[in-house]
Amino acid sequence: MTRLYQTPSQTVGPYFAYGLAPTQYGYSFFKSLFTPVLAQHHAQGEHIRITGQVFDGAGNTINDALIEIQQCNAQGQLLQTPAQVQAQGFTGFGRCGTGTLEGHHYEFFTVKPGASAAGQAPFINVCVSARGLLLHAFTRIYFDDEAAANARDEVLASVPAERRATLVAKRSSKPGGIEYRFDIYMQDSVKGRETVFFDL
């Protein structure tokens, strides 16, 4: 029996997931330009897994969100050329949809970024696309084991103190290695406080 695939005639959010991460969604005849794997085995730095879920205002997981991340390498540098990517085994950019993984979660395999400038904490830029969002939302991931650097970071300091925790991923040791948990809340709900999003 021929498998029928969904088409662009649906709402904006789901189409982004299928269109930008086709391999993950079973479209084997299209290749994803970017995947959840940012770092190859030989990439320098501490190899980590970043995972989480995206929640709506009712506290339910969103099963058609697309998460994109962009970050520096372990030395705090943004890669500029394909040659650098090839040599370092690190892309600096990744995509993952929430529609195919258990519990509607996302995951990225990368290295922990270094600080890109004095006075900045290590961070990862995050872009969220989902149903009902005509414009994507931007946020950041900081790391809970970088407390001193986080306290000096000007961007994090600009966020009201009671909301900064929504930008901080929690570190844990798992059998597969180091994991950081970062859940994204599109609105306040019984499950959690709305993640801070930035107006860019």
N, C-alpha and C. Protein backbone atom coordinates (compact mmCIF):
# COMPACT_ATOMS: atom_id res chain seq x y z
N MET A 1 0.84 -1.18 0.00
CA MET A 1 0.00 0.00 0.00
C MET A 1 0.88 1.25 0.00
N THR A 2 0.58 2.22 -0.83
CA THR A 2 1.35 3.45 -0.91
C THR A 2 1.07 4.32 0.31
N ARG A 3 2.14 4.81 0.94
CA ARG A 3 1.99 5.69 2.09
C ARG A 3 1.74 7.10 1.60
N LEU A 4 0.68 7.73 2.12
CA LEU A 4 0.36 9.10 1.74
C LEU A 4 0.91 10.05 2.78
N TYR A 5 1.52 11.14 2.33
CA TYR A 5 2.14 12.11 3.23
C TYR A 5 1.30 13.37 3.31
N GLN A 6 1.45 14.08 4.42
CA GLN A 6 0.73 15.34 4.57
C GLN A 6 1.32 16.39 3.65
N THR A 7 0.50 17.36 3.30
CA THR A 7 0.89 18.38 2.35
C THR A 7 0.86 19.76 2.99
N PRO A 8 1.32 20.80 2.28
CA PRO A 8 1.35 22.15 2.85
C PRO A 8 -0.01 22.78 3.11
N SER A 9 -1.09 22.06 2.91
CA SER A 9 -2.41 22.66 3.09
C SER A 9 -2.84 22.72 4.54
N GLN A 10 -1.93 22.43 5.46
CA GLN A 10 -2.25 22.51 6.88
C GLN A 10 -1.77 23.85 7.44
N THR A 11 -1.91 24.03 8.77
CA THR A 11 -1.49 25.30 9.37
C THR A 11 0.02 25.46 9.31
N VAL A 12 0.48 26.66 9.57
CA VAL A 12 1.88 27.00 9.36
C VAL A 12 2.84 26.10 10.14
N GLY A 13 2.59 25.90 11.43
CA GLY A 13 3.53 25.19 12.28
C GLY A 13 3.92 23.81 11.80
N PRO A 14 2.93 22.91 11.58
CA PRO A 14 3.31 21.55 11.16
C PRO A 14 4.09 21.51 9.86
N TYR A 15 3.79 22.42 8.95
CA TYR A 15 4.49 22.38 7.66
C TYR A 15 5.98 22.67 7.84
N PHE A 16 6.33 23.52 8.79
CA PHE A 16 7.75 23.77 9.02
C PHE A 16 8.48 22.49 9.41
N ALA A 17 7.87 21.69 10.28
CA ALA A 17 8.52 20.47 10.72
C ALA A 17 8.76 19.52 9.55
N TYR A 18 7.72 19.28 8.74
CA TYR A 18 7.87 18.36 7.61
C TYR A 18 8.81 18.93 6.54
N GLY A 19 8.72 20.23 6.32
CA GLY A 19 9.50 20.83 5.25
C GLY A 19 10.97 21.00 5.58
N LEU A 20 11.28 21.27 6.84
CA LEU A 20 12.66 21.57 7.22
C LEU A 20 13.39 20.40 7.86
N ALA A 21 12.66 19.40 8.31
CA ALA A 21 13.29 18.20 8.87
C ALA A 21 12.69 16.95 8.23
N PRO A 22 12.73 16.86 6.89
CA PRO A 22 12.02 15.77 6.21
C PRO A 22 12.52 14.38 6.56
N THR A 23 13.82 14.22 6.77
CA THR A 23 14.35 12.90 7.08
C THR A 23 13.75 12.37 8.38
N GLN A 24 13.65 13.23 9.38
CA GLN A 24 13.09 12.83 10.67
C GLN A 24 11.63 12.38 10.53
N TYR A 25 10.91 12.98 9.59
CA TYR A 25 9.49 12.69 9.43
C TYR A 25 9.21 11.63 8.37
N GLY A 26 10.23 10.93 7.93
CA GLY A 26 10.03 9.80 7.05
C GLY A 26 10.01 10.10 5.57
N TYR A 27 10.37 11.32 5.20
CA TYR A 27 10.43 11.67 3.77
C TYR A 27 11.82 11.31 3.26
N SER A 28 12.03 10.04 3.02
CA SER A 28 13.37 9.55 2.70
C SER A 28 13.88 10.06 1.36
N PHE A 29 13.01 10.55 0.50
CA PHE A 29 13.46 11.03 -0.81
C PHE A 29 13.92 12.49 -0.74
N PHE A 30 13.81 13.12 0.44
CA PHE A 30 14.39 14.45 0.66
C PHE A 30 15.42 14.35 1.77
N LYS A 31 16.47 15.12 1.67
CA LYS A 31 17.51 15.10 2.69
C LYS A 31 17.40 16.35 3.55
N SER A 32 17.46 16.17 4.88
CA SER A 32 17.47 17.32 5.79
C SER A 32 18.82 18.03 5.68
N LEU A 33 18.79 19.34 5.49
CA LEU A 33 20.04 20.10 5.42
C LEU A 33 20.73 20.14 6.78
N PHE A 34 19.92 20.16 7.85
CA PHE A 34 20.45 20.16 9.20
C PHE A 34 19.70 19.14 10.03
N THR A 35 20.37 18.50 10.94
CA THR A 35 19.80 17.44 11.77
C THR A 35 20.02 17.79 13.24
N PRO A 36 19.55 16.95 14.17
CA PRO A 36 19.81 17.20 15.59
C PRO A 36 21.25 16.93 16.02
N VAL A 37 22.08 16.41 15.12
CA VAL A 37 23.47 16.10 15.46
C VAL A 37 24.36 17.25 14.99
N LEU A 38 24.85 18.04 15.93
CA LEU A 38 25.72 19.16 15.59
C LEU A 38 27.18 18.78 15.65
N ALA A 39 27.52 17.79 16.49
CA ALA A 39 28.93 17.47 16.75
C ALA A 39 29.22 16.02 16.39
N GLN A 40 30.24 15.80 15.59
CA GLN A 40 30.75 14.46 15.32
C GLN A 40 31.66 14.03 16.48
N HIS A 41 32.04 12.77 16.49
CA HIS A 41 32.82 12.24 17.61
C HIS A 41 34.13 12.98 17.82
N HIS A 42 34.73 13.46 16.75
CA HIS A 42 36.04 14.11 16.88
C HIS A 42 35.95 15.60 17.19
N ALA A 43 34.75 16.14 17.33
CA ALA A 43 34.61 17.56 17.67
C ALA A 43 35.17 17.81 19.07
N GLN A 44 35.92 18.89 19.21
CA GLN A 44 36.51 19.22 20.51
C GLN A 44 35.45 19.76 21.46
N GLY A 45 35.66 19.51 22.75
CA GLY A 45 34.77 20.03 23.78
C GLY A 45 34.01 18.92 24.49
N GLU A 46 33.23 19.32 25.48
CA GLU A 46 32.42 18.37 26.24
C GLU A 46 31.16 18.02 25.45
N HIS A 47 31.03 16.78 25.10
CA HIS A 47 29.88 16.34 24.32
C HIS A 47 28.66 16.21 25.24
N ILE A 48 27.56 16.81 24.82
CA ILE A 48 26.36 16.85 25.65
C ILE A 48 25.13 16.53 24.80
N ARG A 49 24.05 16.19 25.49
CA ARG A 49 22.74 16.02 24.86
C ARG A 49 21.82 17.06 25.48
N ILE A 50 21.12 17.79 24.65
CA ILE A 50 20.13 18.75 25.11
C ILE A 50 18.76 18.22 24.74
N THR A 51 17.87 18.12 25.71
CA THR A 51 16.55 17.57 25.44
C THR A 51 15.49 18.34 26.21
N GLY A 52 14.26 18.21 25.76
CA GLY A 52 13.15 18.87 26.44
C GLY A 52 11.87 18.69 25.66
N GLN A 53 10.82 19.32 26.14
CA GLN A 53 9.53 19.31 25.48
C GLN A 53 9.03 20.73 25.34
N VAL A 54 8.09 20.93 24.44
CA VAL A 54 7.47 22.23 24.23
C VAL A 54 6.02 22.11 24.69
N PHE A 55 5.59 23.03 25.56
CA PHE A 55 4.25 22.98 26.15
C PHE A 55 3.41 24.17 25.71
N ASP A 56 2.11 23.91 25.52
CA ASP A 56 1.19 25.00 25.21
C ASP A 56 0.59 25.58 26.49
N GLY A 57 -0.34 26.51 26.35
CA GLY A 57 -0.92 27.17 27.50
C GLY A 57 -1.76 26.29 28.38
N ALA A 58 -2.21 25.15 27.85
CA ALA A 58 -2.98 24.20 28.65
C ALA A 58 -2.08 23.18 29.35
N GLY A 59 -0.77 23.30 29.13
CA GLY A 59 0.16 22.37 29.75
C GLY A 59 0.37 21.10 28.97
N ASN A 60 -0.13 21.04 27.74
CA ASN A 60 0.03 19.86 26.89
C ASN A 60 1.27 19.99 26.02
N THR A 61 1.89 18.86 25.72
CA THR A 61 3.05 18.91 24.83
C THR A 61 2.59 19.24 23.42
N ILE A 62 3.42 20.01 22.71
CA ILE A 62 3.14 20.37 21.32
C ILE A 62 3.86 19.37 20.43
N ASN A 63 3.08 18.66 19.62
CA ASN A 63 3.66 17.55 18.86
C ASN A 63 4.10 17.93 17.45
N ASP A 64 4.05 19.22 17.12
CA ASP A 64 4.48 19.61 15.77
C ASP A 64 5.36 20.85 15.80
N ALA A 65 6.05 21.04 16.91
CA ALA A 65 6.99 22.17 16.99
C ALA A 65 8.28 21.82 16.25
N LEU A 66 8.94 22.84 15.77
CA LEU A 66 10.27 22.68 15.18
C LEU A 66 11.22 23.56 15.98
N ILE A 67 12.26 22.94 16.51
CA ILE A 67 13.26 23.65 17.31
C ILE A 67 14.55 23.75 16.50
N GLU A 68 15.08 24.96 16.40
CA GLU A 68 16.37 25.18 15.77
C GLU A 68 17.32 25.81 16.79
N ILE A 69 18.55 25.35 16.81
CA ILE A 69 19.54 25.94 17.72
C ILE A 69 20.77 26.36 16.93
N GLN A 70 21.42 27.39 17.45
CA GLN A 70 22.64 27.91 16.84
C GLN A 70 23.58 28.29 17.98
N GLN A 71 24.84 27.90 17.87
CA GLN A 71 25.75 28.09 19.00
C GLN A 71 27.20 28.20 18.55
N CYS A 72 28.02 28.67 19.47
CA CYS A 72 29.48 28.68 19.28
C CYS A 72 30.03 27.29 19.55
N ASN A 73 31.26 27.08 19.11
CA ASN A 73 31.94 25.83 19.45
C ASN A 73 32.49 25.93 20.88
N ALA A 74 33.24 24.93 21.30
CA ALA A 74 33.73 24.89 22.67
C ALA A 74 34.71 26.01 22.98
N GLN A 75 35.27 26.62 21.95
CA GLN A 75 36.20 27.73 22.14
C GLN A 75 35.51 29.09 22.07
N GLY A 76 34.19 29.10 21.96
CA GLY A 76 33.45 30.35 21.91
C GLY A 76 33.44 31.00 20.54
N GLN A 77 33.69 30.23 19.48
CA GLN A 77 33.75 30.78 18.14
C GLN A 77 32.57 30.30 17.30
N LEU A 78 32.00 31.22 16.51
CA LEU A 78 30.99 30.84 15.52
C LEU A 78 31.71 30.43 14.24
N LEU A 79 31.36 29.29 13.69
CA LEU A 79 32.00 28.84 12.47
C LEU A 79 31.46 29.62 11.28
N GLN A 80 32.35 29.98 10.37
CA GLN A 80 31.99 30.86 9.26
C GLN A 80 31.96 30.19 7.90
N THR A 81 32.66 29.08 7.75
CA THR A 81 32.80 28.49 6.42
C THR A 81 32.56 26.98 6.46
N PRO A 82 32.15 26.40 5.32
CA PRO A 82 32.03 24.93 5.26
C PRO A 82 33.34 24.22 5.58
N ALA A 83 34.46 24.83 5.23
CA ALA A 83 35.75 24.21 5.52
C ALA A 83 35.97 24.09 7.03
N GLN A 84 35.55 25.10 7.79
CA GLN A 84 35.67 25.03 9.24
C GLN A 84 34.77 23.93 9.82
N VAL A 85 33.57 23.85 9.29
CA VAL A 85 32.64 22.80 9.73
C VAL A 85 33.24 21.42 9.48
N GLN A 86 33.79 21.23 8.30
CA GLN A 86 34.37 19.94 7.94
C GLN A 86 35.56 19.61 8.83
N ALA A 87 36.42 20.58 9.06
CA ALA A 87 37.63 20.34 9.84
C ALA A 87 37.33 20.07 11.31
N GLN A 88 36.34 20.77 11.85
CA GLN A 88 36.06 20.65 13.28
C GLN A 88 35.03 19.57 13.60
N GLY A 89 34.31 19.08 12.61
CA GLY A 89 33.28 18.09 12.87
C GLY A 89 32.14 18.66 13.68
N PHE A 90 31.85 19.92 13.43
CA PHE A 90 30.84 20.64 14.22
C PHE A 90 30.14 21.64 13.33
N THR A 91 28.80 21.59 13.30
CA THR A 91 28.06 22.47 12.40
C THR A 91 27.67 23.80 13.05
N GLY A 92 27.41 23.79 14.35
CA GLY A 92 26.97 25.01 15.03
C GLY A 92 25.49 25.30 14.85
N PHE A 93 24.78 24.49 14.07
CA PHE A 93 23.35 24.72 13.83
C PHE A 93 22.65 23.37 13.71
N GLY A 94 21.46 23.25 14.32
CA GLY A 94 20.73 22.00 14.26
C GLY A 94 19.23 22.21 14.27
N ARG A 95 18.50 21.20 13.78
CA ARG A 95 17.03 21.23 13.75
C ARG A 95 16.48 19.93 14.28
N CYS A 96 15.35 20.03 15.00
CA CYS A 96 14.67 18.83 15.47
C CYS A 96 13.19 19.13 15.64
N GLY A 97 12.33 18.27 15.11
CA GLY A 97 10.90 18.37 15.32
C GLY A 97 10.47 17.56 16.52
N THR A 98 9.31 17.89 17.08
CA THR A 98 8.83 17.18 18.26
C THR A 98 7.79 16.12 17.92
N GLY A 99 7.56 15.86 16.65
CA GLY A 99 6.47 14.99 16.26
C GLY A 99 6.78 13.52 16.16
N THR A 100 8.04 13.13 16.21
CA THR A 100 8.37 11.72 15.98
C THR A 100 9.05 11.05 17.16
N LEU A 101 9.49 11.82 18.15
CA LEU A 101 10.20 11.25 19.28
C LEU A 101 9.23 11.00 20.44
N GLU A 102 9.54 10.00 21.25
CA GLU A 102 8.66 9.61 22.35
C GLU A 102 8.38 10.79 23.28
N GLY A 103 7.11 10.97 23.64
CA GLY A 103 6.73 12.06 24.53
C GLY A 103 6.77 13.41 23.86
N HIS A 104 6.89 13.44 22.53
CA HIS A 104 6.95 14.70 21.78
C HIS A 104 8.09 15.58 22.27
N HIS A 105 9.23 14.96 22.50
CA HIS A 105 10.38 15.75 22.94
C HIS A 105 11.30 16.05 21.76
N TYR A 106 12.25 16.92 22.01
CA TYR A 106 13.30 17.19 21.03
C TYR A 106 14.63 16.82 21.66
N GLU A 107 15.65 16.64 20.86
CA GLU A 107 16.98 16.35 21.39
C GLU A 107 18.04 16.79 20.39
N PHE A 108 19.14 17.27 20.94
CA PHE A 108 20.30 17.67 20.13
C PHE A 108 21.55 17.05 20.73
N PHE A 109 22.45 16.64 19.85
CA PHE A 109 23.73 16.09 20.26
C PHE A 109 24.81 17.08 19.81
N THR A 110 25.46 17.68 20.77
CA THR A 110 26.35 18.80 20.45
C THR A 110 27.49 18.84 21.46
N VAL A 111 28.21 19.95 21.49
CA VAL A 111 29.21 20.19 22.52
C VAL A 111 28.80 21.43 23.30
N LYS A 112 29.19 21.47 24.54
CA LYS A 112 28.88 22.65 25.35
C LYS A 112 29.64 23.85 24.79
N PRO A 113 28.94 24.94 24.51
CA PRO A 113 29.62 26.10 23.91
C PRO A 113 30.51 26.82 24.91
N GLY A 114 31.54 27.46 24.40
CA GLY A 114 32.32 28.36 25.21
C GLY A 114 31.73 29.76 25.16
N ALA A 115 32.12 30.61 26.08
CA ALA A 115 31.66 31.99 26.08
C ALA A 115 32.26 32.72 24.88
N SER A 116 31.44 33.48 24.17
CA SER A 116 31.91 34.13 22.94
C SER A 116 32.61 35.46 23.19
N ALA A 117 32.47 36.01 24.39
CA ALA A 117 33.12 37.28 24.71
C ALA A 117 33.23 37.42 26.22
N ALA A 118 34.14 38.28 26.65
CA ALA A 118 34.29 38.54 28.08
C ALA A 118 32.98 39.10 28.64
N GLY A 119 32.59 38.62 29.80
CA GLY A 119 31.36 39.10 30.42
C GLY A 119 30.12 38.37 29.98
N GLN A 120 30.26 37.45 29.03
CA GLN A 120 29.12 36.66 28.58
C GLN A 120 29.23 35.25 29.13
N ALA A 121 28.09 34.67 29.43
CA ALA A 121 28.04 33.26 29.81
C ALA A 121 27.88 32.41 28.56
N PRO A 122 28.27 31.15 28.60
CA PRO A 122 27.96 30.26 27.48
C PRO A 122 26.45 30.16 27.28
N PHE A 123 26.01 30.19 26.04
CA PHE A 123 24.58 30.09 25.76
C PHE A 123 24.37 29.50 24.38
N ILE A 124 23.13 29.10 24.14
CA ILE A 124 22.71 28.60 22.83
C ILE A 124 21.47 29.37 22.42
N ASN A 125 21.46 29.87 21.19
CA ASN A 125 20.27 30.53 20.65
C ASN A 125 19.26 29.49 20.21
N VAL A 126 17.98 29.75 20.49
CA VAL A 126 16.90 28.81 20.17
C VAL A 126 15.81 29.54 19.40
N CYS A 127 15.33 28.90 18.34
CA CYS A 127 14.21 29.41 17.55
C CYS A 127 13.10 28.36 17.57
N VAL A 128 11.88 28.77 17.89
CA VAL A 128 10.75 27.85 17.99
C VAL A 128 9.70 28.21 16.94
N SER A 129 9.32 27.23 16.13
CA SER A 129 8.18 27.36 15.21
C SER A 129 7.15 26.32 15.61
N ALA A 130 5.88 26.69 15.57
CA ALA A 130 4.84 25.74 15.95
C ALA A 130 3.50 26.22 15.40
N ARG A 131 2.50 25.36 15.51
CA ARG A 131 1.16 25.71 15.03
C ARG A 131 0.67 27.00 15.70
N GLY A 132 0.01 27.83 14.92
CA GLY A 132 -0.53 29.06 15.47
C GLY A 132 0.46 30.19 15.57
N LEU A 133 1.74 29.93 15.30
CA LEU A 133 2.76 30.98 15.35
C LEU A 133 3.03 31.45 13.93
N LEU A 134 2.62 32.65 13.61
CA LEU A 134 2.93 33.19 12.28
C LEU A 134 4.36 33.68 12.22
N LEU A 135 4.91 34.04 13.38
CA LEU A 135 6.32 34.41 13.50
C LEU A 135 6.96 33.50 14.53
N HIS A 136 8.16 33.02 14.24
CA HIS A 136 8.83 32.14 15.18
C HIS A 136 9.25 32.93 16.42
N ALA A 137 9.49 32.21 17.51
CA ALA A 137 9.86 32.81 18.79
C ALA A 137 11.32 32.49 19.09
N PHE A 138 12.02 33.46 19.67
CA PHE A 138 13.44 33.31 19.97
C PHE A 138 13.67 33.28 21.47
N THR A 139 14.52 32.38 21.91
CA THR A 139 14.92 32.34 23.31
C THR A 139 16.38 31.89 23.39
N ARG A 140 16.87 31.65 24.60
CA ARG A 140 18.25 31.21 24.80
C ARG A 140 18.29 30.10 25.83
N ILE A 141 19.30 29.27 25.72
CA ILE A 141 19.60 28.27 26.74
C ILE A 141 20.89 28.68 27.44
N TYR A 142 20.81 28.86 28.75
CA TYR A 142 21.99 28.99 29.60
C TYR A 142 22.14 27.69 30.39
N PHE A 143 23.22 27.54 31.15
CA PHE A 143 23.53 26.28 31.81
C PHE A 143 23.62 26.47 33.32
N ASP A 144 22.97 25.57 34.08
CA ASP A 144 22.90 25.77 35.53
C ASP A 144 24.23 25.54 36.24
N ASP A 145 25.20 24.92 35.57
CA ASP A 145 26.52 24.74 36.18
C ASP A 145 27.47 25.89 35.83
N GLU A 146 26.94 26.98 35.29
CA GLU A 146 27.73 28.17 34.97
C GLU A 146 27.21 29.36 35.79
N ALA A 147 26.96 29.15 37.07
CA ALA A 147 26.31 30.16 37.90
C ALA A 147 27.08 31.47 37.93
N ALA A 148 28.40 31.41 38.09
CA ALA A 148 29.19 32.64 38.17
C ALA A 148 29.13 33.42 36.85
N ALA A 149 29.28 32.72 35.74
CA ALA A 149 29.21 33.37 34.43
C ALA A 149 27.81 33.89 34.16
N ASN A 150 26.78 33.14 34.56
CA ASN A 150 25.40 33.59 34.36
C ASN A 150 25.13 34.89 35.12
N ALA A 151 25.71 35.01 36.29
CA ALA A 151 25.49 36.21 37.11
C ALA A 151 26.08 37.45 36.46
N ARG A 152 27.09 37.29 35.60
CA ARG A 152 27.73 38.42 34.94
C ARG A 152 27.14 38.72 33.57
N ASP A 153 26.34 37.83 33.04
CA ASP A 153 25.85 37.97 31.67
C ASP A 153 24.83 39.11 31.57
N GLU A 154 25.07 40.07 30.69
CA GLU A 154 24.21 41.25 30.59
C GLU A 154 22.82 40.91 30.08
N VAL A 155 22.72 39.99 29.13
CA VAL A 155 21.40 39.64 28.59
C VAL A 155 20.57 38.94 29.66
N LEU A 156 21.17 37.99 30.35
CA LEU A 156 20.44 37.28 31.40
C LEU A 156 20.07 38.24 32.53
N ALA A 157 20.96 39.18 32.84
CA ALA A 157 20.68 40.15 33.90
C ALA A 157 19.55 41.10 33.52
N SER A 158 19.29 41.27 32.23
CA SER A 158 18.21 42.16 31.79
C SER A 158 16.83 41.54 31.97
N VAL A 159 16.80 40.24 32.24
CA VAL A 159 15.53 39.53 32.46
C VAL A 159 15.15 39.65 33.93
N PRO A 160 13.87 39.91 34.23
CA PRO A 160 13.46 39.97 35.64
C PRO A 160 13.93 38.73 36.41
N ALA A 161 14.43 38.94 37.61
CA ALA A 161 15.05 37.86 38.39
C ALA A 161 14.16 36.65 38.53
N GLU A 162 12.86 36.89 38.72
CA GLU A 162 11.94 35.77 38.95
C GLU A 162 11.69 34.94 37.70
N ARG A 163 12.14 35.42 36.53
CA ARG A 163 11.90 34.68 35.27
C ARG A 163 13.17 34.10 34.67
N ARG A 164 14.33 34.39 35.26
CA ARG A 164 15.59 33.91 34.67
C ARG A 164 15.69 32.40 34.63
N ALA A 165 15.08 31.73 35.58
CA ALA A 165 15.17 30.26 35.62
C ALA A 165 14.57 29.61 34.37
N THR A 166 13.68 30.32 33.67
CA THR A 166 13.08 29.75 32.45
C THR A 166 14.09 29.66 31.31
N LEU A 167 15.25 30.28 31.48
CA LEU A 167 16.28 30.26 30.45
C LEU A 167 17.45 29.33 30.79
N VAL A 168 17.36 28.64 31.92
CA VAL A 168 18.50 27.86 32.41
C VAL A 168 18.21 26.36 32.32
N ALA A 169 19.05 25.65 31.59
CA ALA A 169 18.93 24.20 31.45
C ALA A 169 19.57 23.51 32.63
N LYS A 170 18.98 22.39 33.04
CA LYS A 170 19.47 21.65 34.21
C LYS A 170 20.32 20.46 33.77
N ARG A 171 21.51 20.39 34.35
CA ARG A 171 22.48 19.35 34.01
C ARG A 171 22.24 18.09 34.83
N SER A 172 22.42 16.94 34.18
CA SER A 172 22.38 15.66 34.90
C SER A 172 23.28 14.68 34.17
N SER A 173 23.70 13.66 34.89
CA SER A 173 24.53 12.60 34.30
C SER A 173 23.65 11.40 34.00
N LYS A 174 23.65 10.98 32.75
CA LYS A 174 22.87 9.84 32.30
C LYS A 174 23.82 8.74 31.83
N PRO A 175 23.31 7.50 31.69
CA PRO A 175 24.18 6.43 31.20
C PRO A 175 24.87 6.75 29.88
N GLY A 176 24.19 7.55 29.03
CA GLY A 176 24.77 7.89 27.74
C GLY A 176 25.67 9.10 27.76
N GLY A 177 25.79 9.77 28.92
CA GLY A 177 26.64 10.95 29.01
C GLY A 177 25.93 12.10 29.70
N ILE A 178 26.45 13.30 29.49
CA ILE A 178 25.90 14.50 30.14
C ILE A 178 24.67 14.97 29.37
N GLU A 179 23.62 15.28 30.12
CA GLU A 179 22.38 15.76 29.52
C GLU A 179 21.96 17.06 30.19
N TYR A 180 21.45 17.97 29.37
CA TYR A 180 20.83 19.21 29.87
C TYR A 180 19.36 19.20 29.48
N ARG A 181 18.50 19.45 30.46
CA ARG A 181 17.06 19.48 30.22
C ARG A 181 16.59 20.91 30.10
N PHE A 182 15.89 21.21 28.99
CA PHE A 182 15.38 22.56 28.77
C PHE A 182 13.99 22.47 28.17
N ASP A 183 12.96 22.61 29.02
CA ASP A 183 11.58 22.62 28.54
C ASP A 183 11.19 24.04 28.15
N ILE A 184 10.36 24.14 27.12
CA ILE A 184 9.94 25.43 26.59
C ILE A 184 8.44 25.57 26.80
N TYR A 185 8.03 26.63 27.49
CA TYR A 185 6.62 26.90 27.76
C TYR A 185 6.19 28.11 26.94
N MET A 186 5.29 27.87 26.00
CA MET A 186 4.85 28.95 25.13
C MET A 186 3.96 29.96 25.87
N GLN A 187 3.31 29.52 26.94
CA GLN A 187 2.48 30.39 27.78
C GLN A 187 2.55 29.87 29.20
N ASP A 188 2.15 30.71 30.17
CA ASP A 188 2.03 30.23 31.54
C ASP A 188 1.01 29.12 31.60
N SER A 189 1.26 28.12 32.43
CA SER A 189 0.30 27.04 32.60
C SER A 189 0.55 26.39 33.96
N VAL A 190 -0.28 25.43 34.30
CA VAL A 190 -0.07 24.72 35.55
C VAL A 190 1.23 23.93 35.52
N LYS A 191 1.74 23.65 34.34
CA LYS A 191 2.99 22.90 34.21
C LYS A 191 4.23 23.76 34.43
N GLY A 192 4.14 25.04 34.15
CA GLY A 192 5.31 25.88 34.30
C GLY A 192 5.09 27.31 33.83
N ARG A 193 6.03 28.17 34.17
CA ARG A 193 5.96 29.57 33.80
C ARG A 193 6.46 29.78 32.38
N GLU A 194 5.83 30.71 31.66
CA GLU A 194 6.20 30.97 30.27
C GLU A 194 7.68 31.26 30.14
N THR A 195 8.31 30.61 29.17
CA THR A 195 9.71 30.83 28.87
C THR A 195 9.89 32.28 28.41
N VAL A 196 11.00 32.88 28.77
CA VAL A 196 11.31 34.22 28.29
C VAL A 196 11.66 34.13 26.81
N PHE A 197 10.98 34.95 26.01
CA PHE A 197 11.28 35.06 24.58
C PHE A 197 11.77 36.47 24.30
N PHE A 198 12.65 36.59 23.31
CA PHE A 198 13.28 37.87 23.01
C PHE A 198 12.71 38.47 21.74
N ASP A 199 12.56 39.78 21.73
CA ASP A 199 12.04 40.51 20.58
C ASP A 199 13.21 40.90 19.69
N LEU A 200 13.40 40.14 18.61
CA LEU A 200 14.54 40.38 17.72
C LEU A 200 14.07 40.94 16.39
